[in-house]
């Protein structure tokens, strides 16, 4: 008897993370790109970014912070919105669900 996986053969894809800087020295600009706006009930990412910002200020000192909220949750951010983050050392994107 031979067992067959209905999903087919498992493919191993080498997925790598983005290159790391090696340290936080020189990090002065951080961006937050939220997939949804703030709302009165439940978790929301914009509120969470304020907590992250305070923690980053404690660890890294003064930072320039940019927050953007995508206009439509289910669509990718537009190129002009992403372009605003090109000179930033890091961007955190999320959805608080």
N, C-alpha and C. Protein backbone atom coordinates (compact mmCIF):
# COMPACT_ATOMS: atom_id res chain seq x y z
N UNK A 1 0.85 -1.17 0.00
CA UNK A 1 0.00 0.00 0.00
C UNK A 1 0.90 1.24 0.00
N UNK A 2 0.53 2.22 -0.81
CA UNK A 2 1.29 3.46 -0.89
C UNK A 2 0.36 4.62 -0.56
N UNK A 3 0.76 5.45 0.39
CA UNK A 3 -0.03 6.63 0.74
C UNK A 3 0.36 7.78 -0.19
N UNK A 4 -0.65 8.46 -0.69
CA UNK A 4 -0.41 9.57 -1.59
C UNK A 4 -1.00 10.83 -0.98
N UNK A 5 -0.20 11.87 -0.92
CA UNK A 5 -0.66 13.16 -0.40
C UNK A 5 -1.45 13.87 -1.50
N UNK A 6 -2.72 14.20 -1.27
CA UNK A 6 -3.52 14.84 -2.32
C UNK A 6 -3.03 16.24 -2.70
N UNK A 7 -2.16 16.82 -1.88
CA UNK A 7 -1.63 18.15 -2.20
C UNK A 7 -0.50 18.10 -3.21
N UNK A 8 -0.03 16.91 -3.53
CA UNK A 8 1.08 16.78 -4.46
C UNK A 8 2.41 16.88 -3.75
N UNK A 9 3.47 17.00 -4.54
CA UNK A 9 4.82 17.07 -3.98
C UNK A 9 5.02 18.41 -3.27
N UNK A 10 5.73 18.35 -2.17
CA UNK A 10 6.06 19.57 -1.43
C UNK A 10 7.26 20.22 -2.08
N UNK A 11 7.10 21.49 -2.42
CA UNK A 11 8.20 22.24 -3.02
C UNK A 11 8.91 23.04 -1.94
N UNK A 12 10.22 22.95 -1.93
CA UNK A 12 11.01 23.73 -0.99
C UNK A 12 11.52 24.98 -1.72
N UNK A 13 11.04 26.13 -1.28
CA UNK A 13 11.44 27.39 -1.88
C UNK A 13 12.33 28.11 -0.88
N UNK A 14 13.47 28.57 -1.36
CA UNK A 14 14.41 29.29 -0.51
C UNK A 14 13.95 30.74 -0.41
N UNK A 15 13.27 31.07 0.68
CA UNK A 15 12.79 32.44 0.89
C UNK A 15 13.67 33.09 1.94
N UNK A 16 14.22 34.18 1.59
CA UNK A 16 15.12 34.88 2.50
C UNK A 16 14.50 36.20 2.94
N UNK A 17 14.87 36.61 4.13
CA UNK A 17 14.44 37.92 4.63
C UNK A 17 15.22 39.00 3.91
N UNK A 18 14.70 40.21 3.99
CA UNK A 18 15.41 41.35 3.42
C UNK A 18 16.77 41.48 4.11
N UNK A 19 17.75 42.04 3.42
CA UNK A 19 19.07 42.20 4.05
C UNK A 19 18.96 43.01 5.33
N UNK A 20 19.68 42.61 6.35
CA UNK A 20 19.67 43.30 7.64
C UNK A 20 20.84 44.27 7.71
N UNK A 21 20.63 45.35 8.40
CA UNK A 21 21.64 46.40 8.53
C UNK A 21 22.76 46.01 9.47
N UNK A 22 22.52 45.08 10.37
CA UNK A 22 23.54 44.67 11.31
C UNK A 22 23.48 45.41 12.63
N UNK A 23 22.70 46.43 12.73
CA UNK A 23 22.57 47.16 13.98
C UNK A 23 21.64 48.34 13.79
N UNK A 24 21.36 49.00 14.89
CA UNK A 24 20.42 50.13 14.84
C UNK A 24 21.13 51.47 14.73
N UNK A 25 22.46 51.45 14.66
CA UNK A 25 23.19 52.71 14.53
C UNK A 25 22.77 53.42 13.25
N UNK A 26 22.49 54.67 13.35
CA UNK A 26 22.11 55.46 12.18
C UNK A 26 20.64 55.40 11.82
N UNK A 27 19.85 54.66 12.57
CA UNK A 27 18.42 54.62 12.29
C UNK A 27 17.79 55.90 12.83
N UNK A 28 17.30 56.73 11.94
CA UNK A 28 16.71 58.00 12.34
C UNK A 28 15.33 58.22 11.76
N UNK A 29 14.94 57.37 10.81
CA UNK A 29 13.63 57.52 10.18
C UNK A 29 12.94 56.16 10.14
N UNK A 30 11.77 56.10 10.74
CA UNK A 30 10.97 54.87 10.78
C UNK A 30 9.58 55.20 10.23
N UNK A 31 9.06 54.31 9.42
CA UNK A 31 7.72 54.50 8.89
C UNK A 31 6.78 53.41 9.37
N UNK A 32 5.52 53.77 9.47
CA UNK A 32 4.46 52.82 9.80
C UNK A 32 3.42 52.90 8.69
N UNK A 33 3.15 51.78 8.07
CA UNK A 33 2.14 51.70 7.02
C UNK A 33 1.04 50.79 7.51
N UNK A 34 -0.08 51.39 7.80
CA UNK A 34 -1.20 50.64 8.36
C UNK A 34 -2.16 50.21 7.26
N UNK A 35 -2.63 48.98 7.38
CA UNK A 35 -3.60 48.48 6.41
C UNK A 35 -5.02 48.94 6.71
N UNK A 36 -5.23 49.53 7.89
CA UNK A 36 -6.57 50.01 8.24
C UNK A 36 -6.45 51.23 9.14
N UNK A 37 -7.48 52.04 9.15
CA UNK A 37 -7.52 53.22 10.00
C UNK A 37 -7.90 52.87 11.42
N UNK A 38 -7.92 53.89 12.26
CA UNK A 38 -8.33 53.69 13.65
C UNK A 38 -9.83 53.55 13.73
N UNK A 39 -10.29 52.83 14.75
CA UNK A 39 -11.72 52.72 15.01
C UNK A 39 -11.94 52.68 16.51
N UNK A 40 -13.16 52.87 16.94
CA UNK A 40 -13.46 53.05 18.36
C UNK A 40 -13.37 51.76 19.18
N UNK A 41 -13.64 50.62 18.58
CA UNK A 41 -13.62 49.37 19.34
C UNK A 41 -12.64 48.39 18.75
N UNK A 42 -12.12 47.53 19.60
CA UNK A 42 -11.21 46.49 19.14
C UNK A 42 -9.81 47.00 18.85
N UNK A 43 -8.91 46.10 18.51
CA UNK A 43 -7.53 46.50 18.24
C UNK A 43 -7.41 47.25 16.91
N UNK A 44 -6.48 48.16 16.86
CA UNK A 44 -6.18 48.82 15.60
C UNK A 44 -4.70 49.11 15.54
N UNK A 45 -4.13 48.94 14.38
CA UNK A 45 -2.70 49.07 14.18
C UNK A 45 -2.18 50.49 14.42
N UNK A 46 -2.89 51.55 13.99
CA UNK A 46 -2.36 52.89 14.27
C UNK A 46 -2.11 53.13 15.76
N UNK A 47 -2.98 52.64 16.63
CA UNK A 47 -2.75 52.78 18.07
C UNK A 47 -1.53 52.00 18.51
N UNK A 48 -1.37 50.80 17.97
CA UNK A 48 -0.21 49.97 18.30
C UNK A 48 1.09 50.65 17.85
N UNK A 49 1.05 51.37 16.72
CA UNK A 49 2.27 52.03 16.26
C UNK A 49 2.74 53.11 17.23
N UNK A 50 1.82 53.73 17.94
CA UNK A 50 2.23 54.74 18.93
C UNK A 50 3.00 54.09 20.08
N UNK A 51 2.59 52.88 20.45
CA UNK A 51 3.32 52.14 21.49
C UNK A 51 4.70 51.75 20.96
N UNK A 52 4.76 51.26 19.72
CA UNK A 52 6.05 50.92 19.11
C UNK A 52 6.95 52.14 19.00
N UNK A 53 6.37 53.26 18.61
CA UNK A 53 7.16 54.49 18.48
C UNK A 53 7.80 54.88 19.81
N UNK A 54 7.04 54.84 20.89
CA UNK A 54 7.58 55.19 22.21
C UNK A 54 8.74 54.26 22.57
N UNK A 55 8.58 52.97 22.31
CA UNK A 55 9.64 52.01 22.60
C UNK A 55 10.88 52.27 21.74
N UNK A 56 10.67 52.58 20.48
CA UNK A 56 11.81 52.86 19.60
C UNK A 56 12.52 54.13 20.00
N UNK A 57 11.78 55.16 20.44
CA UNK A 57 12.41 56.40 20.92
C UNK A 57 13.30 56.10 22.13
N UNK A 58 12.82 55.25 23.03
CA UNK A 58 13.62 54.89 24.21
C UNK A 58 14.90 54.17 23.83
N UNK A 59 14.82 53.31 22.85
CA UNK A 59 15.98 52.50 22.46
C UNK A 59 16.93 53.23 21.51
N UNK A 60 16.38 54.07 20.63
CA UNK A 60 17.19 54.65 19.56
C UNK A 60 17.37 56.16 19.66
N UNK A 61 16.65 56.81 20.56
CA UNK A 61 16.72 58.25 20.66
C UNK A 61 15.75 58.92 19.70
N UNK A 62 16.02 60.18 19.34
CA UNK A 62 15.10 60.92 18.48
C UNK A 62 14.94 60.24 17.11
N UNK A 63 13.72 60.17 16.66
CA UNK A 63 13.40 59.56 15.37
C UNK A 63 12.40 60.42 14.61
N UNK A 64 12.53 60.41 13.31
CA UNK A 64 11.50 60.97 12.45
C UNK A 64 10.55 59.81 12.14
N UNK A 65 9.27 60.03 12.35
CA UNK A 65 8.28 58.97 12.16
C UNK A 65 7.23 59.43 11.15
N UNK A 66 6.94 58.56 10.21
CA UNK A 66 5.88 58.83 9.22
C UNK A 66 4.84 57.72 9.34
N UNK A 67 3.59 58.13 9.42
CA UNK A 67 2.48 57.18 9.44
C UNK A 67 1.62 57.38 8.20
N UNK A 68 1.30 56.29 7.56
CA UNK A 68 0.39 56.33 6.43
C UNK A 68 -0.64 55.22 6.62
N UNK A 69 -1.85 55.46 6.17
CA UNK A 69 -2.90 54.46 6.22
C UNK A 69 -3.38 54.22 4.79
N UNK A 70 -3.33 52.95 4.39
CA UNK A 70 -3.80 52.63 3.04
C UNK A 70 -5.28 52.99 2.92
N UNK A 71 -5.69 53.51 1.78
CA UNK A 71 -7.09 53.89 1.62
C UNK A 71 -8.03 52.69 1.52
N UNK A 72 -7.54 51.57 1.02
CA UNK A 72 -8.37 50.37 0.86
C UNK A 72 -7.62 49.18 1.44
N UNK A 73 -8.20 48.56 2.47
CA UNK A 73 -7.57 47.46 3.18
C UNK A 73 -7.12 46.33 2.27
N UNK A 74 -7.94 45.95 1.32
CA UNK A 74 -7.68 44.74 0.53
C UNK A 74 -6.79 44.97 -0.68
N UNK A 75 -6.35 46.20 -0.92
CA UNK A 75 -5.48 46.48 -2.07
C UNK A 75 -4.07 46.82 -1.61
N UNK A 76 -3.09 46.49 -2.44
CA UNK A 76 -1.72 46.88 -2.10
C UNK A 76 -1.59 48.40 -2.05
N UNK A 77 -0.61 48.86 -1.31
CA UNK A 77 -0.34 50.30 -1.28
C UNK A 77 0.08 50.76 -2.67
N UNK A 78 -0.34 51.94 -3.04
CA UNK A 78 0.01 52.51 -4.33
C UNK A 78 1.49 52.88 -4.36
N UNK A 79 2.12 52.86 -5.54
CA UNK A 79 3.55 53.18 -5.63
C UNK A 79 3.91 54.54 -5.05
N UNK A 80 3.05 55.56 -5.23
CA UNK A 80 3.37 56.88 -4.69
C UNK A 80 3.37 56.88 -3.15
N UNK A 81 2.52 56.04 -2.55
CA UNK A 81 2.51 55.92 -1.09
C UNK A 81 3.80 55.23 -0.62
N UNK A 82 4.18 54.16 -1.30
CA UNK A 82 5.40 53.45 -0.94
C UNK A 82 6.63 54.32 -1.15
N UNK A 83 6.62 55.17 -2.17
CA UNK A 83 7.76 56.03 -2.47
C UNK A 83 8.07 56.99 -1.32
N UNK A 84 7.08 57.32 -0.52
CA UNK A 84 7.30 58.22 0.62
C UNK A 84 8.23 57.60 1.66
N UNK A 85 8.41 56.28 1.61
CA UNK A 85 9.24 55.59 2.59
C UNK A 85 10.62 55.21 2.05
N UNK A 86 10.94 55.57 0.82
CA UNK A 86 12.19 55.10 0.21
C UNK A 86 13.44 55.48 0.99
N UNK A 87 13.47 56.62 1.60
CA UNK A 87 14.66 57.08 2.32
C UNK A 87 14.67 56.67 3.79
N UNK A 88 13.68 55.91 4.22
CA UNK A 88 13.58 55.51 5.62
C UNK A 88 14.40 54.25 5.88
N UNK A 89 14.95 54.15 7.08
CA UNK A 89 15.76 52.99 7.42
C UNK A 89 14.91 51.75 7.72
N UNK A 90 13.65 51.96 8.07
CA UNK A 90 12.78 50.84 8.35
C UNK A 90 11.32 51.23 8.22
N UNK A 91 10.51 50.27 7.79
CA UNK A 91 9.07 50.49 7.68
C UNK A 91 8.38 49.26 8.28
N UNK A 92 7.42 49.52 9.14
CA UNK A 92 6.65 48.45 9.76
C UNK A 92 5.25 48.53 9.19
N UNK A 93 4.79 47.43 8.63
CA UNK A 93 3.47 47.36 8.00
C UNK A 93 2.63 46.38 8.79
N UNK A 94 1.36 46.70 8.98
CA UNK A 94 0.56 45.76 9.73
C UNK A 94 -0.93 46.01 9.75
N UNK A 95 -1.58 45.09 10.44
CA UNK A 95 -3.01 45.07 10.62
C UNK A 95 -3.25 44.43 11.99
N UNK A 96 -3.95 45.09 12.87
CA UNK A 96 -4.12 44.57 14.24
C UNK A 96 -5.39 43.73 14.34
N UNK A 97 -5.30 42.50 13.95
CA UNK A 97 -6.46 41.60 14.04
C UNK A 97 -6.08 40.40 14.88
